Amino acid sequence: MPVPPDWPEDDTDIDREIRIEKMKRELDEIADGKMICGGFEQLPLEIEEKFLEQVLAFERAETDTNFNRLERRGVVMPPAAELDDASLREKLAEIIVELAALRSFIEDTDHLSDRELYEWLWRDGLRSPTEDMSSIPEGAWHTSPIGSGSEEDIAIWLKYYADEEERRRWHHDFPNDSIPAHEPLPYDRDRHLPRPHDF
């Protein structure tokens, strides 16, 4: 008897479809029955399964602040005022490496001195609750001192980070916004920071 074209080809596909359906049910329970699950035409089952595994791992992850996670890893983080410049630089390097191990990566920092970056991390950047990504190899948090979307952060982005095309597009989309003159970044840190593919 010929096999209909929409039937799984082998037991591996059947097992995979069963796992996919179980994950969808668990995600729907987590969402209190409000999960919206779209489909992709011709998406291989292997890719759909991997995607749902990642989503489920994220949903199951513990929520806490990176400040607390770093402290549990033995990283002592005194206020910036208690550190001289050399000690602060060493502490900042330690924090950046430990954050990368937690799959949390910092970017857009070249407008800040080491002390300014440390102060931002200590005061704000490490204090927001996030899901623990350390056990999700393909997952990562990206943390930026200009990531809030505030007018001040957008102005910093336009001033230092946006290229000419991005500045033109911004002016076109938001003609009433004042575009600050472009200035070169005063520091050269970002290109040396850890990235997800490094870990």
Protein backbone atom coordinates (compact mmCIF):
# COMPACT_ATOMS: atom_id res chain seq x y z
CA MET A 1 0.00 0.00 0.00
CA PRO A 2 1.51 3.42 -0.91
CA VAL A 3 2.29 5.82 1.96
CA PRO A 4 0.37 9.13 1.81
CA PRO A 5 2.80 12.04 1.22
CA ASP A 6 1.97 13.76 4.54
CA TRP A 7 2.79 10.70 6.67
CA PRO A 8 6.08 10.61 8.56
CA GLU A 9 8.66 8.64 6.67
CA ASP A 10 10.00 6.61 9.57
CA ASP A 11 9.85 5.95 13.30
CA THR A 12 12.29 8.79 13.98
CA ASP A 13 9.83 11.29 12.51
CA ILE A 14 6.96 9.77 14.50
CA ASP A 15 8.96 10.05 17.74
CA ARG A 16 9.90 13.60 16.86
CA GLU A 17 6.28 14.58 16.18
CA ILE A 18 5.27 13.12 19.55
CA ARG A 19 7.98 15.16 21.32
CA ILE A 20 6.92 18.29 19.43
CA GLU A 21 3.30 17.87 20.45
CA LYS A 22 4.29 17.31 24.10
CA MET A 23 6.38 20.50 24.08
CA LYS A 24 3.54 22.46 22.50
CA ARG A 25 1.17 21.25 25.21
CA GLU A 26 3.62 22.19 27.96
CA LEU A 27 4.16 25.65 26.45
CA ASP A 28 0.40 26.11 26.18
CA GLU A 29 0.08 25.24 29.89
CA ILE A 30 2.81 27.74 30.77
CA ALA A 31 0.90 30.38 28.77
CA ASP A 32 -2.38 29.48 30.56
CA GLY A 33 -3.87 28.26 27.31
CA LYS A 34 -3.04 31.46 25.46
CA MET A 35 -0.10 30.25 23.37
CA ILE A 36 -0.27 31.17 19.71
CA CYS A 37 1.60 28.67 17.60
CA GLY A 38 2.19 29.57 13.98
CA GLY A 39 3.43 27.20 11.37
CA PHE A 40 6.11 27.35 8.74
CA GLU A 41 5.60 25.70 5.39
CA GLN A 42 8.00 22.87 4.71
CA LEU A 43 9.81 23.37 8.03
CA PRO A 44 11.78 20.19 8.78
CA LEU A 45 10.64 18.49 11.96
CA GLU A 46 14.20 18.52 13.28
CA ILE A 47 14.33 22.33 13.12
CA GLU A 48 10.87 22.73 14.66
CA GLU A 49 11.85 20.40 17.50
CA LYS A 50 15.10 22.29 18.16
CA PHE A 51 13.26 25.62 18.16
CA LEU A 52 10.63 24.40 20.62
CA GLU A 53 13.35 22.93 22.87
CA GLN A 54 14.95 26.39 23.05
CA VAL A 55 11.63 28.11 23.77
CA LEU A 56 10.78 25.61 26.48
CA ALA A 57 14.23 25.90 28.08
CA PHE A 58 13.79 29.67 28.17
CA GLU A 59 10.31 29.40 29.72
CA ARG A 60 11.58 26.98 32.37
CA ALA A 61 14.64 29.08 33.22
CA GLU A 62 15.04 30.65 36.65
CA THR A 63 14.47 34.40 36.81
CA ASP A 64 16.88 36.52 38.85
CA THR A 65 19.25 39.45 38.40
CA ASN A 66 22.74 39.05 36.99
CA PHE A 67 23.99 40.95 40.04
CA ASN A 68 22.75 38.09 42.25
CA ARG A 69 24.05 35.44 39.86
CA LEU A 70 27.51 37.00 39.84
CA GLU A 71 27.57 37.18 43.63
CA ARG A 72 26.66 33.48 43.80
CA ARG A 73 29.60 32.82 41.48
CA GLY A 74 31.86 34.54 44.01
CA VAL A 75 32.21 37.89 42.23
CA VAL A 76 32.44 40.67 44.82
CA MET A 77 31.16 43.97 43.40
CA PRO A 78 31.80 46.97 45.62
CA PRO A 79 30.48 50.39 44.62
CA ALA A 80 32.74 52.20 42.15
CA ALA A 81 33.68 54.84 44.74
CA GLU A 82 35.47 52.14 46.76
CA LEU A 83 37.77 51.17 43.87
CA ASP A 84 40.80 52.97 42.47
CA ASP A 85 41.17 53.04 38.68
CA ALA A 86 43.39 49.95 38.43
CA SER A 87 41.19 47.87 40.74
CA LEU A 88 38.06 49.00 38.96
CA ARG A 89 39.50 48.00 35.57
CA GLU A 90 40.35 44.52 36.89
CA LYS A 91 36.92 44.15 38.46
CA LEU A 92 35.20 45.25 35.26
CA ALA A 93 37.17 42.67 33.25
CA GLU A 94 36.18 39.96 35.76
CA ILE A 95 32.51 40.93 35.54
CA ILE A 96 32.53 40.90 31.73
CA VAL A 97 34.07 37.41 31.61
CA GLU A 98 31.70 36.04 34.26
CA LEU A 99 28.69 37.55 32.47
CA ALA A 100 29.78 35.87 29.25
CA ALA A 101 29.88 32.54 31.11
CA LEU A 102 26.25 33.25 32.04
CA ARG A 103 25.59 33.94 28.32
CA SER A 104 25.00 37.62 28.97
CA PHE A 105 26.96 39.90 26.64
CA ILE A 106 27.56 43.64 26.88
CA GLU A 107 27.59 45.91 23.83
CA ASP A 108 27.51 49.60 22.85
CA THR A 109 29.94 50.67 25.58
CA ASP A 110 32.56 52.68 23.69
CA HIS A 111 31.04 56.02 24.72
CA LEU A 112 31.69 55.20 28.40
CA SER A 113 34.89 55.16 30.41
CA ASP A 114 35.64 52.05 32.47
CA ARG A 115 34.37 53.82 35.57
CA GLU A 116 31.18 54.99 33.86
CA LEU A 117 30.52 51.47 32.53
CA TYR A 118 31.13 49.89 35.93
CA GLU A 119 28.83 52.43 37.57
CA TRP A 120 26.10 51.71 35.01
CA LEU A 121 26.43 47.95 35.49
CA TRP A 122 26.42 48.25 39.29
CA ARG A 123 23.48 50.68 39.37
CA ASP A 124 21.31 49.50 36.46
CA GLY A 125 22.73 46.98 34.01
CA LEU A 126 22.96 44.05 36.40
CA ARG A 127 19.82 44.80 38.41
CA SER A 128 17.01 43.82 36.02
CA PRO A 129 15.49 40.36 36.47
CA THR A 130 16.26 38.10 33.50
CA GLU A 131 15.95 34.42 32.70
CA ASP A 132 19.06 32.32 33.32
CA MET A 133 20.55 31.57 29.89
CA SER A 134 23.62 29.71 31.14
CA SER A 135 22.18 26.29 30.30
CA ILE A 136 20.78 27.33 26.90
CA PRO A 137 23.75 27.09 24.49
CA GLU A 138 22.02 28.92 21.62
CA GLY A 139 20.51 31.54 23.93
CA ALA A 140 22.02 34.82 25.05
CA TRP A 141 21.14 38.12 26.66
CA HIS A 142 22.52 41.28 25.09
CA THR A 143 22.89 44.15 27.53
CA SER A 144 23.47 47.73 26.42
CA PRO A 145 23.70 50.97 28.40
CA ILE A 146 21.74 52.59 25.56
CA GLY A 147 19.15 49.86 25.17
CA SER A 148 16.22 51.43 27.00
CA GLY A 149 14.78 53.24 23.98
CA SER A 150 14.72 56.52 25.90
CA GLU A 151 15.29 59.81 24.09
CA GLU A 152 18.67 60.10 25.78
CA ASP A 153 19.76 56.62 24.66
CA ILE A 154 18.57 57.24 21.10
CA ALA A 155 20.52 60.51 21.02
CA ILE A 156 23.68 58.69 22.16
CA TRP A 157 23.15 56.02 19.51
CA LEU A 158 22.69 58.65 16.80
CA LYS A 159 25.69 60.63 18.02
CA TYR A 160 28.18 57.77 18.32
CA TYR A 161 26.98 54.49 16.84
CA ALA A 162 24.62 55.10 13.92
CA ASP A 163 26.21 55.15 10.49
CA GLU A 164 25.24 57.73 7.88
CA GLU A 165 22.56 55.53 6.33
CA GLU A 166 20.98 54.92 9.73
CA ARG A 167 21.08 58.64 10.52
CA ARG A 168 19.43 59.47 7.17
CA ARG A 169 16.76 56.85 7.75
CA TRP A 170 16.08 58.19 11.24
CA HIS A 171 15.73 61.73 9.89
CA HIS A 172 13.34 60.48 7.20
CA ASP A 173 11.20 58.52 9.68
CA PHE A 174 11.31 61.15 12.45
CA PRO A 175 11.77 64.53 10.73
CA ASN A 176 10.97 66.49 13.91
CA ASP A 177 13.78 64.84 15.88
CA SER A 178 17.01 66.72 16.26
CA ILE A 179 19.94 64.66 14.91
CA PRO A 180 23.11 65.33 16.90
CA ALA A 181 26.37 65.84 15.07
CA HIS A 182 28.32 62.60 14.71
CA GLU A 183 31.29 62.26 17.03
CA PRO A 184 33.96 59.56 17.12
CA LEU A 185 33.74 57.10 19.97
CA PRO A 186 36.14 58.05 22.77
CA TYR A 187 36.95 54.45 23.77
CA ASP A 188 37.75 51.20 21.95
CA ARG A 189 36.33 48.40 24.07
CA ASP A 190 33.40 46.81 22.24
CA ARG A 191 35.40 44.94 19.59
CA HIS A 192 37.35 43.18 22.35
CA LEU A 193 34.30 42.10 24.37
CA PRO A 194 33.21 38.44 24.42
CA ARG A 195 30.54 37.41 21.94
CA PRO A 196 28.14 34.43 21.99
CA HIS A 197 30.12 32.49 19.37
CA ASP A 198 33.19 32.67 21.65
CA PHE A 199 31.49 30.44 24.25
